[in-house]
Protein backbone atom coordinates (compact mmCIF):
# COMPACT_ATOMS: atom_id res chain seq x y z
CA MET A 1 112.54 22.13 -44.04
CA VAL A 2 108.87 21.18 -44.13
CA CYS A 3 109.83 17.65 -43.16
CA ILE A 4 111.76 18.96 -40.15
CA ALA A 5 108.80 21.09 -39.10
CA LEU A 6 106.38 18.16 -39.38
CA SER A 7 108.68 15.84 -37.46
CA ALA A 8 108.78 18.36 -34.59
CA ILE A 9 105.05 17.97 -33.83
CA PRO A 10 105.36 14.70 -31.86
CA ILE A 11 108.37 16.12 -29.99
CA LEU A 12 106.39 19.20 -28.98
CA LYS A 13 103.48 17.02 -27.89
CA LYS A 14 105.84 14.97 -25.71
CA ASP A 15 107.32 18.14 -24.19
CA LEU A 16 103.88 19.50 -23.37
CA THR A 17 102.97 16.19 -21.73
CA GLU A 18 106.14 16.39 -19.62
CA VAL A 19 105.23 19.93 -18.56
CA LYS A 20 101.74 18.74 -17.59
CA GLU A 21 103.19 15.90 -15.50
CA ALA A 22 105.64 18.26 -13.81
CA CYS A 23 102.78 20.60 -12.96
CA LYS A 24 100.82 17.73 -11.45
CA ALA A 25 103.85 16.75 -9.37
CA LYS A 26 104.21 20.32 -8.13
CA LYS A 27 100.44 20.61 -7.64
CA ILE A 28 100.13 23.50 -10.08
CA GLU A 29 96.61 23.62 -11.49
CA TRP A 30 95.89 24.29 -15.16
CA ARG A 31 94.18 27.64 -14.71
CA VAL A 32 94.35 30.83 -16.71
CA LYS A 33 96.33 32.59 -13.98
CA ASN A 34 99.03 29.89 -14.11
CA MET A 35 99.39 29.79 -17.90
CA PRO A 36 102.32 32.24 -18.10
CA VAL A 37 104.34 29.99 -15.80
CA ILE A 38 103.32 26.80 -17.57
CA PHE A 39 103.86 28.01 -21.12
CA GLY A 40 106.99 29.90 -20.11
CA LYS A 41 108.66 26.60 -19.27
CA PHE A 42 107.32 25.03 -22.46
CA PHE A 43 108.60 27.83 -24.70
CA LEU A 44 111.98 27.83 -22.96
CA SER A 45 112.30 24.15 -23.80
CA LEU A 46 111.16 24.88 -27.35
CA LEU A 47 113.77 27.61 -27.83
CA GLN A 48 116.51 25.30 -26.59
CA LYS A 49 115.49 22.66 -29.13
CA VAL A 50 115.39 25.25 -31.93
CA ASN A 51 118.87 26.41 -30.99
CA GLN A 52 120.18 22.83 -31.06
CA LEU A 53 118.59 22.24 -34.45
CA GLU A 54 120.08 25.46 -35.83
CA GLU A 55 123.55 24.47 -34.62
CA ALA A 56 123.21 20.99 -36.13
CA LEU A 57 122.09 22.36 -39.51
CA THR A 58 124.89 24.93 -39.51
CA ALA A 59 127.43 22.21 -38.73
CA LYS A 60 126.15 20.21 -41.72
CA GLY A 61 126.61 23.19 -44.02
CA TYR A 62 123.04 24.42 -44.35
CA SER A 63 122.61 28.18 -44.39
CA SER A 64 119.58 30.42 -44.03
CA GLN A 65 120.21 32.11 -47.37
């Protein structure tokens, strides 16, 4: 599980870069007042990836117990 967590770091960095580029395209500035919108999209993407990983591990027979 530690290996999975460590391998997720580059993926999260790539996702954050994509969010930054999307904000630039939409002309959304990186200000404190815009952070809920920016990180909301980032965390939504993160939760989708976690859900996919959970389904893949369950399909392979791993359990949380």
